[in-house]
Amino acid sequence: MSELPLDYSLLARVGAKSKTFDAGEKVFLEDDLGTGMYVVKSGRVDVVTYGAVLENVRAGGIVGEMALIDDGPRSAAAIAAEPTEVIAIDKAAFLELVRAQPEFALHVMSVLTNRLRRMNKQL
């Protein structure tokens, strides 16, 4: 995935908070209620469903973005593959980011589209 097109200071200004996870610790689990998305600041997050790793998300990548679009349950789990720091973005912060930097919304849509295309190829 391409790097997130904004700086971390903007994330802090909209109230996004940093969280750290040890290797093997869950960021979220499949079917959890989705309350926001995460930007990986350092480390790596594995996106997992039915025991299969769908994607390795590294610094600058995002996970959990679907929760901001449809308020549905998580479609996969996100597990820290190594010591990892993420920035948690709730819906209010997301909307503020989109107002401040509209390209951010295009980036999120690009990530969603690329993931969908990759899954279609696997089918």
Protein backbone atom coordinates (compact mmCIF):
# COMPACT_ATOMS: atom_id res chain seq x y z
CA MET A 1 0.00 0.00 0.00
CA SER A 2 1.17 3.50 -0.65
CA GLU A 3 2.05 5.74 2.26
CA LEU A 4 -0.60 7.86 3.88
CA PRO A 5 -0.62 11.32 2.25
CA LEU A 6 -0.57 13.45 5.43
CA ASP A 7 1.72 14.16 8.33
CA TYR A 8 1.27 12.80 11.84
CA SER A 9 0.94 16.29 13.34
CA LEU A 10 -2.40 16.69 11.52
CA LEU A 11 -3.59 13.42 13.06
CA ALA A 12 -2.73 14.77 16.52
CA ARG A 13 -4.53 18.07 15.83
CA VAL A 14 -7.79 16.23 15.08
CA GLY A 15 -7.53 14.26 18.31
CA ALA A 16 -6.24 10.93 16.99
CA LYS A 17 -4.48 8.98 19.75
CA SER A 18 -1.45 6.73 19.62
CA LYS A 19 -1.68 3.12 20.84
CA THR A 20 1.05 0.52 21.15
CA PHE A 21 0.75 -3.24 20.81
CA ASP A 22 3.16 -6.08 21.56
CA ALA A 23 3.79 -8.78 18.97
CA GLY A 24 0.77 -11.10 18.85
CA GLU A 25 -1.56 -8.62 20.51
CA LYS A 26 -4.91 -7.91 18.86
CA VAL A 27 -5.66 -4.49 17.46
CA PHE A 28 -9.19 -5.76 16.81
CA LEU A 29 -10.90 -9.08 16.13
CA GLU A 30 -13.17 -10.22 13.33
CA ASP A 31 -16.83 -9.42 14.10
CA ASP A 32 -15.89 -6.78 16.71
CA LEU A 33 -17.92 -3.60 16.50
CA GLY A 34 -15.90 -1.23 14.34
CA THR A 35 -15.40 2.16 15.93
CA GLY A 36 -12.56 3.55 13.84
CA MET A 37 -9.55 2.92 11.68
CA TYR A 38 -5.84 2.80 12.43
CA VAL A 39 -2.77 4.25 10.75
CA VAL A 40 0.30 2.08 11.33
CA LYS A 41 3.02 4.43 12.55
CA SER A 42 5.67 1.76 13.17
CA GLY A 43 5.82 -2.01 13.19
CA ARG A 44 3.51 -4.32 11.25
CA VAL A 45 -0.12 -5.40 11.50
CA ASP A 46 -1.33 -8.64 9.94
CA VAL A 47 -4.90 -8.65 8.64
CA VAL A 48 -6.23 -12.17 9.27
CA THR A 49 -9.42 -14.10 8.55
CA TYR A 50 -10.10 -17.81 9.05
CA GLY A 51 -6.46 -18.24 10.08
CA ALA A 52 -5.10 -16.90 6.78
CA VAL A 53 -3.05 -13.71 6.59
CA LEU A 54 -4.67 -11.51 3.94
CA GLU A 55 -2.23 -8.63 4.16
CA ASN A 56 0.79 -7.30 6.05
CA VAL A 57 0.31 -3.59 6.75
CA ARG A 58 3.45 -1.60 7.53
CA ALA A 59 4.20 1.99 8.54
CA GLY A 60 2.03 4.45 6.63
CA GLY A 61 -0.64 1.84 5.89
CA ILE A 62 -4.17 1.72 7.26
CA VAL A 63 -6.44 -0.97 8.70
CA GLY A 64 -10.04 -0.96 9.86
CA GLU A 65 -11.18 1.71 7.42
CA MET A 66 -14.41 -0.12 6.53
CA ALA A 67 -15.73 0.67 10.03
CA LEU A 68 -15.76 4.37 9.16
CA ILE A 69 -17.77 3.77 6.01
CA ASP A 70 -20.58 1.44 7.10
CA ASP A 71 -20.43 1.13 10.92
CA GLY A 72 -20.53 -2.65 10.46
CA PRO A 73 -18.64 -5.36 12.32
CA ARG A 74 -14.99 -6.02 11.49
CA SER A 75 -14.59 -8.25 8.45
CA ALA A 76 -11.19 -9.55 9.58
CA ALA A 77 -8.89 -9.42 12.58
CA ALA A 78 -5.85 -7.13 12.87
CA ILE A 79 -2.97 -8.54 14.91
CA ALA A 80 0.33 -6.82 15.69
CA ALA A 81 3.00 -9.00 14.04
CA GLU A 82 5.79 -7.23 15.94
CA PRO A 83 5.93 -4.36 18.43
CA THR A 84 3.68 -1.82 16.72
CA GLU A 85 2.44 1.73 17.19
CA VAL A 86 -0.80 2.82 15.55
CA ILE A 87 -2.79 6.05 15.47
CA ALA A 88 -6.49 5.44 16.19
CA ILE A 89 -8.89 7.54 14.11
CA ASP A 90 -12.54 7.63 15.17
CA LYS A 91 -15.35 8.90 12.94
CA ALA A 92 -15.16 12.50 14.20
CA ALA A 93 -11.41 12.65 13.58
CA PHE A 94 -11.88 11.02 10.16
CA LEU A 95 -14.43 13.64 9.11
CA GLU A 96 -12.14 16.43 10.31
CA LEU A 97 -9.21 14.90 8.36
CA VAL A 98 -11.34 14.78 5.21
CA ARG A 99 -12.28 18.44 5.68
CA ALA A 100 -8.68 19.48 6.31
CA GLN A 101 -7.16 17.30 3.59
CA PRO A 102 -9.67 15.94 1.06
CA GLU A 103 -6.97 13.78 -0.53
CA PHE A 104 -7.13 11.67 2.62
CA ALA A 105 -10.59 10.39 1.59
CA LEU A 106 -9.24 9.50 -1.87
CA HIS A 107 -6.38 7.62 -0.23
CA VAL A 108 -8.80 5.58 1.91
CA MET A 109 -10.92 4.81 -1.18
CA SER A 110 -7.79 3.77 -3.06
CA VAL A 111 -6.84 1.36 -0.27
CA LEU A 112 -10.35 -0.13 -0.30
CA THR A 113 -10.32 -0.48 -4.09
CA ASN A 114 -6.89 -2.13 -4.16
CA ARG A 115 -7.92 -4.61 -1.47
CA LEU A 116 -11.13 -5.44 -3.33
CA ARG A 117 -9.25 -5.99 -6.61
CA ARG A 118 -6.74 -8.25 -4.86
CA MET A 119 -9.53 -10.31 -3.28
CA ASN A 120 -11.32 -10.63 -6.64
CA LYS A 121 -8.13 -12.00 -8.22
CA GLN A 122 -7.84 -14.58 -5.44
CA LEU A 123 -11.36 -15.81 -6.14
